[in-house]
C-alpha atoms as a PDB file:
ATOM      1  CA  MET A   1      -0.338 -10.006   5.996  1.00  0.00           C
ATOM      2  CA  ARG A   2      -3.730  -9.982   4.279  1.00  0.00           C
ATOM      3  CA  ILE A   3      -4.683  -6.723   2.551  1.00  0.00           C
ATOM      4  CA  ALA A   4      -7.950  -5.889   0.804  1.00  0.00           C
ATOM      5  CA  VAL A   5      -8.081  -3.566  -2.200  1.00  0.00           C
ATOM      6  CA  SER A   6     -11.468  -1.900  -2.666  1.00  0.00           C
ATOM      7  CA  GLN A   7     -11.819  -0.616  -6.229  1.00  0.00           C
ATOM      8  CA  LEU A   8     -14.653   1.826  -5.691  1.00  0.00           C
ATOM      9  CA  LEU A   9     -16.368   4.124  -8.141  1.00  0.00           C
ATOM     10  CA  SER A  10     -16.657   7.302  -6.104  1.00  0.00           C
ATOM     11  CA  GLY A  11     -19.416   9.759  -6.856  1.00  0.00           C
ATOM     12  CA  THR A  12     -19.791  13.414  -5.965  1.00  0.00           C
ATOM     13  CA  ASP A  13     -21.433  12.943  -2.530  1.00  0.00           C
ATOM     14  CA  PRO A  14     -18.888  12.296   0.266  1.00  0.00           C
ATOM     15  CA  GLU A  15     -21.500  10.774   2.575  1.00  0.00           C
ATOM     16  CA  ARG A  16     -22.671   8.247  -0.002  1.00  0.00           C
ATOM     17  CA  ASN A  17     -19.063   7.376  -0.738  1.00  0.00           C
ATOM     18  CA  LEU A  18     -18.394   6.880   2.969  1.00  0.00           C
ATOM     19  CA  GLN A  19     -21.371   4.528   3.208  1.00  0.00           C
ATOM     20  CA  ALA A  20     -20.021   2.465   0.303  1.00  0.00           C
ATOM     21  CA  MET A  21     -16.614   2.368   1.986  1.00  0.00           C
ATOM     22  CA  ALA A  22     -18.141   1.137   5.233  1.00  0.00           C
ATOM     23  CA  GLU A  23     -19.842  -1.728   3.393  1.00  0.00           C
ATOM     24  CA  GLN A  24     -16.596  -2.675   1.657  1.00  0.00           C
ATOM     25  CA  ALA A  25     -14.666  -2.519   4.929  1.00  0.00           C
ATOM     26  CA  VAL A  26     -17.061  -4.997   6.529  1.00  0.00           C
ATOM     27  CA  ARG A  27     -16.515  -7.352   3.588  1.00  0.00           C
ATOM     28  CA  ALA A  28     -12.750  -6.968   3.923  1.00  0.00           C
ATOM     29  CA  ALA A  29     -12.868  -7.716   7.647  1.00  0.00           C
ATOM     30  CA  ASP A  30     -15.060 -10.767   7.019  1.00  0.00           C
ATOM     31  CA  GLU A  31     -12.376 -12.018   4.607  1.00  0.00           C
ATOM     32  CA  GLY A  32      -9.733 -11.735   7.318  1.00  0.00           C
ATOM     33  CA  ALA A  33      -7.900  -8.658   6.052  1.00  0.00           C
ATOM     34  CA  ALA A  34      -5.743  -6.558   8.368  1.00  0.00           C
ATOM     35  CA  ALA A  35      -6.076  -3.490   6.143  1.00  0.00           C
ATOM     36  CA  VAL A  36      -8.334  -2.166   3.422  1.00  0.00           C
ATOM     37  CA  VAL A  37      -7.105   0.277   0.793  1.00  0.00           C
ATOM     38  CA  PHE A  38      -9.502   2.619  -0.986  1.00  0.00           C
ATOM     39  CA  PRO A  39      -8.636   4.752  -4.027  1.00  0.00           C
ATOM     40  CA  GLU A  40      -7.406   8.276  -4.329  1.00  0.00           C
ATOM     41  CA  ALA A  41     -10.402  10.643  -4.247  1.00  0.00           C
ATOM     42  CA  ALA A  42     -12.521   8.112  -2.371  1.00  0.00           C
ATOM     43  CA  MET A  43     -14.159  11.084  -0.650  1.00  0.00           C
ATOM     44  CA  ALA A  44     -15.366  12.567  -3.950  1.00  0.00           C
ATOM     45  CA  ARG A  45     -14.285  12.014  -7.523  1.00  0.00           C
ATOM     46  CA  PHE A  46     -12.267  14.436  -9.602  1.00  0.00           C
ATOM     47  CA  GLY A  47     -14.073  16.648 -12.103  1.00  0.00           C
ATOM     48  CA  ILE A  48     -16.075  18.669  -9.567  1.00  0.00           C
ATOM     49  CA  PRO A  49     -15.045  21.768  -7.564  1.00  0.00           C
ATOM     50  CA  LEU A  50     -12.957  20.313  -4.753  1.00  0.00           C
ATOM     51  CA  GLY A  51     -12.965  23.286  -2.395  1.00  0.00           C
ATOM     52  CA  PRO A  52     -16.588  22.817  -1.291  1.00  0.00           C
ATOM     53  CA  VAL A  53     -16.087  19.128  -0.419  1.00  0.00           C
ATOM     54  CA  ALA A  54     -12.701  19.469   1.318  1.00  0.00           C
ATOM     55  CA  GLN A  55     -12.695  18.944   5.078  1.00  0.00           C
ATOM     56  CA  PRO A  56      -9.992  19.040   7.752  1.00  0.00           C
ATOM     57  CA  LEU A  57      -8.528  15.845   9.151  1.00  0.00           C
ATOM     58  CA  ASP A  58     -10.661  16.277  12.262  1.00  0.00           C
ATOM     59  CA  GLY A  59     -13.822  16.953  10.247  1.00  0.00           C
ATOM     60  CA  PRO A  60     -16.915  14.745  10.025  1.00  0.00           C
ATOM     61  CA  TRP A  61     -15.836  12.744   6.945  1.00  0.00           C
ATOM     62  CA  ALA A  62     -12.471  11.770   8.418  1.00  0.00           C
ATOM     63  CA  GLU A  63     -14.156  10.961  11.728  1.00  0.00           C
ATOM     64  CA  GLY A  64     -16.527   8.717   9.800  1.00  0.00           C
ATOM     65  CA  VAL A  65     -13.572   6.852   8.313  1.00  0.00           C
ATOM     66  CA  ARG A  66     -12.054   6.493  11.775  1.00  0.00           C
ATOM     67  CA  ALA A  67     -15.344   5.048  13.005  1.00  0.00           C
ATOM     68  CA  VAL A  68     -15.263   2.487  10.173  1.00  0.00           C
ATOM     69  CA  ALA A  69     -11.722   1.519  11.174  1.00  0.00           C
ATOM     70  CA  GLU A  70     -12.759   1.206  14.806  1.00  0.00           C
ATOM     71  CA  ARG A  71     -15.825  -0.937  14.058  1.00  0.00           C
ATOM     72  CA  THR A  72     -13.988  -3.317  11.734  1.00  0.00           C
ATOM     73  CA  GLY A  73     -10.577  -3.443  13.428  1.00  0.00           C
ATOM     74  CA  LEU A  74      -8.904  -2.639  10.092  1.00  0.00           C
ATOM     75  CA  LEU A  75      -6.243  -0.196   9.076  1.00  0.00           C
ATOM     76  CA  VAL A  76      -8.085   1.973   6.546  1.00  0.00           C
ATOM     77  CA  VAL A  77      -6.349   3.973   3.815  1.00  0.00           C
ATOM     78  CA  ALA A  78      -8.607   6.363   1.912  1.00  0.00           C
ATOM     79  CA  GLY A  79      -8.135   9.338  -0.374  1.00  0.00           C
ATOM     80  CA  MET A  80      -9.735  12.628   0.651  1.00  0.00           C
ATOM     81  CA  PHE A  81      -9.300  16.374   0.153  1.00  0.00           C
ATOM     82  CA  THR A  82      -8.283  18.712   2.941  1.00  0.00           C
ATOM     83  CA  PRO A  83      -8.128  22.535   2.882  1.00  0.00           C
ATOM     84  CA  ALA A  84      -4.703  23.995   2.050  1.00  0.00           C
ATOM     85  CA  PRO A  85      -3.496  27.304   3.558  1.00  0.00           C
ATOM     86  CA  ASP A  86      -3.275  29.000   0.139  1.00  0.00           C
ATOM     87  CA  GLY A  87      -6.935  28.429  -0.735  1.00  0.00           C
ATOM     88  CA  ARG A  88      -6.375  25.269  -2.748  1.00  0.00           C
ATOM     89  CA  VAL A  89      -6.975  21.791  -1.348  1.00  0.00           C
ATOM     90  CA  THR A  90      -4.511  19.026  -0.512  1.00  0.00           C
ATOM     91  CA  ASN A  91      -4.838  15.537  -2.012  1.00  0.00           C
ATOM     92  CA  THR A  92      -4.582  13.537   1.193  1.00  0.00           C
ATOM     93  CA  LEU A  93      -4.489   9.877   2.170  1.00  0.00           C
ATOM     94  CA  LEU A  94      -6.057   9.336   5.578  1.00  0.00           C
ATOM     95  CA  ILE A  95      -4.352   6.353   7.238  1.00  0.00           C
ATOM     96  CA  THR A  96      -6.159   5.244  10.354  1.00  0.00           C
ATOM     97  CA  GLY A  97      -6.900   2.210  12.532  1.00  0.00           C
ATOM     98  CA  GLN A  98      -4.960  -0.435  14.442  1.00  0.00           C
ATOM     99  CA  GLY A  99      -3.356   2.250  16.601  1.00  0.00           C
ATOM    100  CA  VAL A 100      -2.301   4.363  13.596  1.00  0.00           C
ATOM    101  CA  ASP A 101      -3.657   7.814  12.778  1.00  0.00           C
ATOM    102  CA  THR A 102      -1.669   9.776  10.240  1.00  0.00           C
ATOM    103  CA  HIS A 103      -1.888  11.121   6.705  1.00  0.00           C
ATOM    104  CA  TYR A 104       0.096  11.497   3.505  1.00  0.00           C
ATOM    105  CA  ASP A 105      -0.267  14.481   1.179  1.00  0.00           C
ATOM    106  CA  LYS A 106       0.427  13.703  -2.482  1.00  0.00           C
ATOM    107  CA  LEU A 107       3.869  14.985  -3.442  1.00  0.00           C
ATOM    108  CA  HIS A 108       3.683  14.980  -7.248  1.00  0.00           C
ATOM    109  CA  LEU A 109       0.684  16.706  -8.802  1.00  0.00           C
ATOM    110  CA  PHE A 110      -0.827  15.520 -12.068  1.00  0.00           C
ATOM    111  CA  ASP A 111       0.040  18.336 -14.453  1.00  0.00           C
ATOM    112  CA  ALA A 112       0.060  16.104 -17.519  1.00  0.00           C
ATOM    113  CA  PHE A 113      -2.083  14.849 -20.400  1.00  0.00           C
ATOM    114  CA  GLY A 114      -3.941  18.157 -20.531  1.00  0.00           C
ATOM    115  CA  PHE A 115      -4.950  18.191 -16.835  1.00  0.00           C
ATOM    116  CA  ALA A 116      -3.500  20.628 -14.274  1.00  0.00           C
ATOM    117  CA  GLU A 117      -4.031  19.271 -10.765  1.00  0.00           C
ATOM    118  CA  SER A 118      -1.804  22.003  -9.309  1.00  0.00           C
ATOM    119  CA  GLU A 119      -4.346  24.689 -10.236  1.00  0.00           C
ATOM    120  CA  THR A 120      -6.607  23.501  -7.422  1.00  0.00           C
ATOM    121  CA  VAL A 121      -4.386  21.175  -5.350  1.00  0.00           C
ATOM    122  CA  ALA A 122      -1.344  22.058  -3.234  1.00  0.00           C
ATOM    123  CA  PRO A 123       1.549  19.535  -3.015  1.00  0.00           C
ATOM    124  CA  GLY A 124       2.638  17.728   0.097  1.00  0.00           C
ATOM    125  CA  ASP A 125       6.097  18.048   1.613  1.00  0.00           C
ATOM    126  CA  ARG A 126       6.908  14.821   3.471  1.00  0.00           C
ATOM    127  CA  VAL A 127       7.465  11.117   2.917  1.00  0.00           C
ATOM    128  CA  VAL A 128       5.333   8.859   5.117  1.00  0.00           C
ATOM    129  CA  THR A 129       5.837   5.334   6.458  1.00  0.00           C
ATOM    130  CA  GLU A 130       3.940   3.566   9.236  1.00  0.00           C
ATOM    131  CA  PRO A 131       4.180   0.140  10.914  1.00  0.00           C
ATOM    132  CA  LEU A 132       1.459  -2.470  10.371  1.00  0.00           C
ATOM    133  CA  ASP A 133       1.752  -5.847  12.074  1.00  0.00           C
ATOM    134  CA  GLY A 134       5.467  -5.213  12.558  1.00  0.00           C
ATOM    135  CA  VAL A 135       6.008  -4.344   8.884  1.00  0.00           C
ATOM    136  CA  THR A 136       6.872  -0.849   7.648  1.00  0.00           C
ATOM    137  CA  VAL A 137       4.419   0.378   5.026  1.00  0.00           C
ATOM    138  CA  GLY A 138       5.044   3.358   2.756  1.00  0.00           C
ATOM    139  CA  PHE A 139       2.485   5.507   0.984  1.00  0.00           C
ATOM    140  CA  ALA A 140       2.227   7.131  -2.440  1.00  0.00           C
ATOM    141  CA  THR A 141      -0.609   8.445  -4.590  1.00  0.00           C
ATOM    142  CA  CYS A 142      -1.328   7.987  -8.306  1.00  0.00           C
ATOM    143  CA  TYR A 143       1.039  10.259 -10.312  1.00  0.00           C
ATOM    144  CA  ASP A 144       3.720   9.582  -7.667  1.00  0.00           C
ATOM    145  CA  VAL A 145       4.185   6.234  -9.424  1.00  0.00           C
ATOM    146  CA  ARG A 146       6.065   8.016 -12.231  1.00  0.00           C
ATOM    147  CA  PHE A 147       8.802   9.080  -9.803  1.00  0.00           C
ATOM    148  CA  PRO A 148      11.020   6.127  -8.856  1.00  0.00           C
ATOM    149  CA  GLU A 149      13.041   8.190  -6.400  1.00  0.00           C
ATOM    150  CA  LEU A 150      10.059   8.299  -4.032  1.00  0.00           C
ATOM    151  CA  PHE A 151       9.777   4.514  -3.983  1.00  0.00           C
ATOM    152  CA  ARG A 152      13.512   4.160  -3.452  1.00  0.00           C
ATOM    153  CA  ARG A 153      13.273   6.620  -0.544  1.00  0.00           C
ATOM    154  CA  LEU A 154      10.400   4.647   0.988  1.00  0.00           C
ATOM    155  CA  ALA A 155      12.479   1.471   0.756  1.00  0.00           C
ATOM    156  CA  ASP A 156      15.480   3.237   2.284  1.00  0.00           C
ATOM    157  CA  ASP A 157      13.174   4.321   5.122  1.00  0.00           C
ATOM    158  CA  GLY A 158      12.360   0.667   5.796  1.00  0.00           C
ATOM    159  CA  ALA A 159       9.225   0.065   3.724  1.00  0.00           C
ATOM    160  CA  ARG A 160       8.556  -3.472   2.577  1.00  0.00           C
ATOM    161  CA  VAL A 161       5.070  -2.670   1.304  1.00  0.00           C
ATOM    162  CA  VAL A 162       4.028   0.480  -0.582  1.00  0.00           C
ATOM    163  CA  VAL A 163       0.329   1.351  -0.741  1.00  0.00           C
ATOM    164  CA  LEU A 164      -0.594   3.284  -3.881  1.00  0.00           C
ATOM    165  CA  PRO A 165      -4.162   4.625  -4.163  1.00  0.00           C
ATOM    166  CA  ALA A 166      -4.946   6.199  -7.537  1.00  0.00           C
ATOM    167  CA  SER A 167      -7.555   7.722  -9.795  1.00  0.00           C
ATOM    168  CA  TRP A 168      -5.778   7.038 -13.072  1.00  0.00           C
ATOM    169  CA  GLY A 169      -6.674   9.075 -16.115  1.00  0.00           C
ATOM    170  CA  ALA A 170      -8.132   7.288 -19.115  1.00  0.00           C
ATOM    171  CA  GLY A 171      -6.717   7.486 -22.635  1.00  0.00           C
ATOM    172  CA  PRO A 172      -4.828   5.536 -25.272  1.00  0.00           C
ATOM    173  CA  GLY A 173      -2.154   3.389 -23.695  1.00  0.00           C
ATOM    174  CA  LYS A 174      -2.890   4.569 -20.153  1.00  0.00           C
ATOM    175  CA  ALA A 175      -3.844   1.127 -18.789  1.00  0.00           C
ATOM    176  CA  GLU A 176      -0.603  -0.285 -20.180  1.00  0.00           C
ATOM    177  CA  GLN A 177       1.393   2.568 -18.638  1.00  0.00           C
ATOM    178  CA  TRP A 178      -0.278   1.973 -15.279  1.00  0.00           C
ATOM    179  CA  GLU A 179       0.740  -1.684 -15.205  1.00  0.00           C
ATOM    180  CA  VAL A 180       4.283  -1.036 -16.418  1.00  0.00           C
ATOM    181  CA  LEU A 181       4.818   1.704 -13.843  1.00  0.00           C
ATOM    182  CA  VAL A 182       3.394  -0.218 -10.885  1.00  0.00           C
ATOM    183  CA  ARG A 183       5.483  -3.274 -11.694  1.00  0.00           C
ATOM    184  CA  ALA A 184       8.589  -1.161 -12.294  1.00  0.00           C
ATOM    185  CA  ARG A 185       8.259   0.600  -8.938  1.00  0.00           C
ATOM    186  CA  ALA A 186       7.995  -2.786  -7.203  1.00  0.00           C
ATOM    187  CA  LEU A 187      11.241  -3.805  -8.918  1.00  0.00           C
ATOM    188  CA  ASP A 188      12.947  -0.459  -8.180  1.00  0.00           C
ATOM    189  CA  SER A 189      12.222  -0.715  -4.478  1.00  0.00           C
ATOM    190  CA  THR A 190      12.001  -4.512  -4.083  1.00  0.00           C
ATOM    191  CA  CYS A 191       8.780  -3.875  -2.184  1.00  0.00           C
ATOM    192  CA  TRP A 192       5.280  -5.214  -2.491  1.00  0.00           C
ATOM    193  CA  VAL A 193       3.144  -2.572  -4.204  1.00  0.00           C
ATOM    194  CA  VAL A 194      -0.580  -2.499  -3.424  1.00  0.00           C
ATOM    195  CA  ALA A 195      -2.115  -0.330  -6.151  1.00  0.00           C
ATOM    196  CA  CYS A 196      -5.787   0.566  -5.729  1.00  0.00           C
ATOM    197  CA  GLY A 197      -7.501   2.554  -8.465  1.00  0.00           C
ATOM    198  CA  GLN A 198     -10.883   4.140  -8.959  1.00  0.00           C
ATOM    199  CA  ALA A 199     -13.135   1.930 -11.069  1.00  0.00           C
ATOM    200  CA  ASP A 200     -13.896   2.994 -14.634  1.00  0.00           C
ATOM    201  CA  PRO A 201     -17.162   4.987 -14.723  1.00  0.00           C
ATOM    202  CA  ALA A 202     -17.928   3.582 -18.178  1.00  0.00           C
ATOM    203  CA  THR A 203     -18.437   0.134 -16.631  1.00  0.00           C
ATOM    204  CA  VAL A 204     -21.642   1.401 -15.011  1.00  0.00           C
ATOM    205  CA  GLY A 205     -22.728   3.596 -17.916  1.00  0.00           C
ATOM    206  CA  GLU A 206     -21.293   6.877 -16.615  1.00  0.00           C
ATOM    207  CA  ARG A 207     -19.131   9.192 -18.711  1.00  0.00           C
ATOM    208  CA  PRO A 208     -18.092  12.263 -16.683  1.00  0.00           C
ATOM    209  CA  ALA A 209     -17.436  15.300 -18.854  1.00  0.00           C
ATOM    210  CA  GLY A 210     -14.030  16.942 -19.092  1.00  0.00           C
ATOM    211  CA  ARG A 211     -10.474  15.679 -18.745  1.00  0.00           C
ATOM    212  CA  ALA A 212     -10.461  14.888 -15.027  1.00  0.00           C
ATOM    213  CA  PRO A 213      -8.854  11.539 -14.103  1.00  0.00           C
ATOM    214  CA  THR A 214     -11.881   9.599 -12.907  1.00  0.00           C
ATOM    215  CA  GLY A 215     -10.334   6.134 -13.015  1.00  0.00           C
ATOM    216  CA  ILE A 216      -9.783   3.100 -15.213  1.00  0.00           C
ATOM    217  CA  GLY A 217      -9.765   0.336 -12.590  1.00  0.00           C
ATOM    218  CA  HIS A 218      -7.103  -2.372 -13.003  1.00  0.00           C
ATOM    219  CA  SER A 219      -6.041  -2.382  -9.357  1.00  0.00           C
ATOM    220  CA  MET A 220      -3.255  -4.856  -8.703  1.00  0.00           C
ATOM    221  CA  VAL A 221      -0.921  -6.258  -6.088  1.00  0.00           C
ATOM    222  CA  VAL A 222       2.646  -6.762  -7.294  1.00  0.00           C
ATOM    223  CA  SER A 223       5.458  -8.734  -5.642  1.00  0.00           C
ATOM    224  CA  PRO A 224       8.968  -7.367  -4.983  1.00  0.00           C
ATOM    225  CA  LEU A 225      10.100  -9.150  -8.162  1.00  0.00           C
ATOM    226  CA  GLY A 226       7.421  -7.520 -10.298  1.00  0.00           C
ATOM    227  CA  GLU A 227       4.933 -10.389 -10.461  1.00  0.00           C
ATOM    228  CA  VAL A 228       1.241  -9.474 -10.472  1.00  0.00           C
ATOM    229  CA  VAL A 229      -0.227 -11.761  -7.801  1.00  0.00           C
ATOM    230  CA  GLY A 230      -3.740 -10.324  -7.884  1.00  0.00           C
ATOM    231  CA  ARG A 231      -5.646  -7.937 -10.094  1.00  0.00           C
ATOM    232  CA  LEU A 232      -9.069  -6.542 -10.879  1.00  0.00           C
ATOM    233  CA  GLY A 233     -10.594  -5.487 -14.187  1.00  0.00           C
ATOM    234  CA  PRO A 234     -12.073  -2.069 -14.960  1.00  0.00           C
ATOM    235  CA  GLY A 235     -15.263  -2.361 -12.891  1.00  0.00           C
ATOM    236  CA  PRO A 236     -15.890  -2.035  -9.153  1.00  0.00           C
ATOM    237  CA  GLY A 237     -14.669  -4.924  -7.018  1.00  0.00           C
ATOM    238  CA  LEU A 238     -12.865  -6.117  -3.909  1.00  0.00           C
ATOM    239  CA  LEU A 239      -9.542  -7.980  -4.078  1.00  0.00           C
ATOM    240  CA  THR A 240      -8.013  -9.687  -1.037  1.00  0.00           C
ATOM    241  CA  VAL A 241      -4.394 -10.824  -1.228  1.00  0.00           C
ATOM    242  CA  ASP A 242      -2.001 -12.462   1.213  1.00  0.00           C
ATOM    243  CA  LEU A 243       1.457 -10.873   1.242  1.00  0.00           C
ATOM    244  CA  ASP A 244       4.703 -12.180   2.688  1.00  0.00           C
ATOM    245  CA  PRO A 245       6.534  -8.948   3.494  1.00  0.00           C
ATOM    246  CA  ALA A 246       9.384 -10.708   5.290  1.00  0.00           C
ATOM    247  CA  GLU A 247      10.511 -13.726   3.295  1.00  0.00           C
ATOM    248  CA  ALA A 248       9.491 -12.476  -0.166  1.00  0.00           C
ATOM    249  CA  VAL A 249      11.191  -9.107   0.287  1.00  0.00           C
ATOM    250  CA  ASP A 250      14.333 -10.669   1.777  1.00  0.00           C
ATOM    251  CA  ARG A 251      14.506 -13.131  -1.101  1.00  0.00           C
ATOM    252  CA  ALA A 252      14.061 -10.392  -3.700  1.00  0.00           C
ATOM    253  CA  ARG A 253      16.660  -8.146  -2.108  1.00  0.00           C
ATOM    254  CA  ALA A 254      19.168 -10.987  -1.935  1.00  0.00           C
ATOM    255  CA  ALA A 255      18.596 -11.890  -5.580  1.00  0.00           C
ATOM    256  CA  VAL A 256      18.478  -8.313  -6.944  1.00  0.00           C
ATOM    257  CA  PRO A 257      20.211  -6.025  -4.411  1.00  0.00           C
ATOM    258  CA  VAL A 258      19.438  -2.757  -6.182  1.00  0.00           C
ATOM    259  CA  LEU A 259      19.125  -0.930  -2.871  1.00  0.00           C
ATOM    260  CA  THR A 260      22.726  -1.730  -1.960  1.00  0.00           C
ATOM    261  CA  ASN A 261      24.246  -1.728  -5.447  1.00  0.00           C
ATOM    262  CA  GLY A 262      23.212   1.834  -6.252  1.00  0.00           C
ATOM    263  CA  ARG A 263      26.000   4.351  -6.933  1.00  0.00           C
ATOM    264  CA  ALA A 264      24.971   7.159  -4.650  1.00  0.00           C
ATOM    265  CA  ASP A 265      28.562   8.421  -4.742  1.00  0.00           C
ATOM    266  CA  VAL A 266      28.087   9.261  -8.418  1.00  0.00           C
ATOM    267  CA  LEU A 267      24.340   9.681  -8.861  1.00  0.00           C
ATOM    268  CA  ALA A 268      23.236  11.407  -5.652  1.00  0.00           C
END
């Protein structure tokens, strides 16, 4: 399975971001990828009012993403914002293409490091997996990576690959935390983890005001045994990696059978 990770730097205009995504998707398809993963908030970056940019899953922005998936033949995973019933928005991954059309709403909201995502964003309420080329893929978003129980649940539901779009907040030690957490979740679940972050605005001379998590880059693909097999730096870029979701996962789970050795009788 070949997956492309598109480390975008999203701006405030959803249409311009969609155009950039379309260009990256064409590159990914030309490189033979079956799927392309875009970051959390690919629709529009954090740090702006999200209500005015949010659109329903059948709105024009999502339809534009579906058109990109149709033209390129890729499964496309992209972060967007959808209206929530209580007046907030939902932090949503649109997952579309190759016969799939579903979504995942971020479960764990980033109320940490002085930022309160829950003030404007409503949490999701379901775990999502989907098949791709005969392999079950699970989905998580950014702050979800700090909750190992989600990754264990995805593995229990059959996932061998977990896709993790993010817009990671900057700050002292945050890049190191990002890598430790992504690698740890791969080990917890004995899954491949495909972690795609927003690029760091500072790499192109931008410094958005406020404490919003606008990205640090450092996207990576990590094996079921915690090895980083591909990574990007802080700036925008496209990473294409070949995964072996069958043999590599089977080998890891035979060597380190954490999914079967767990003491659910005591710890559930």
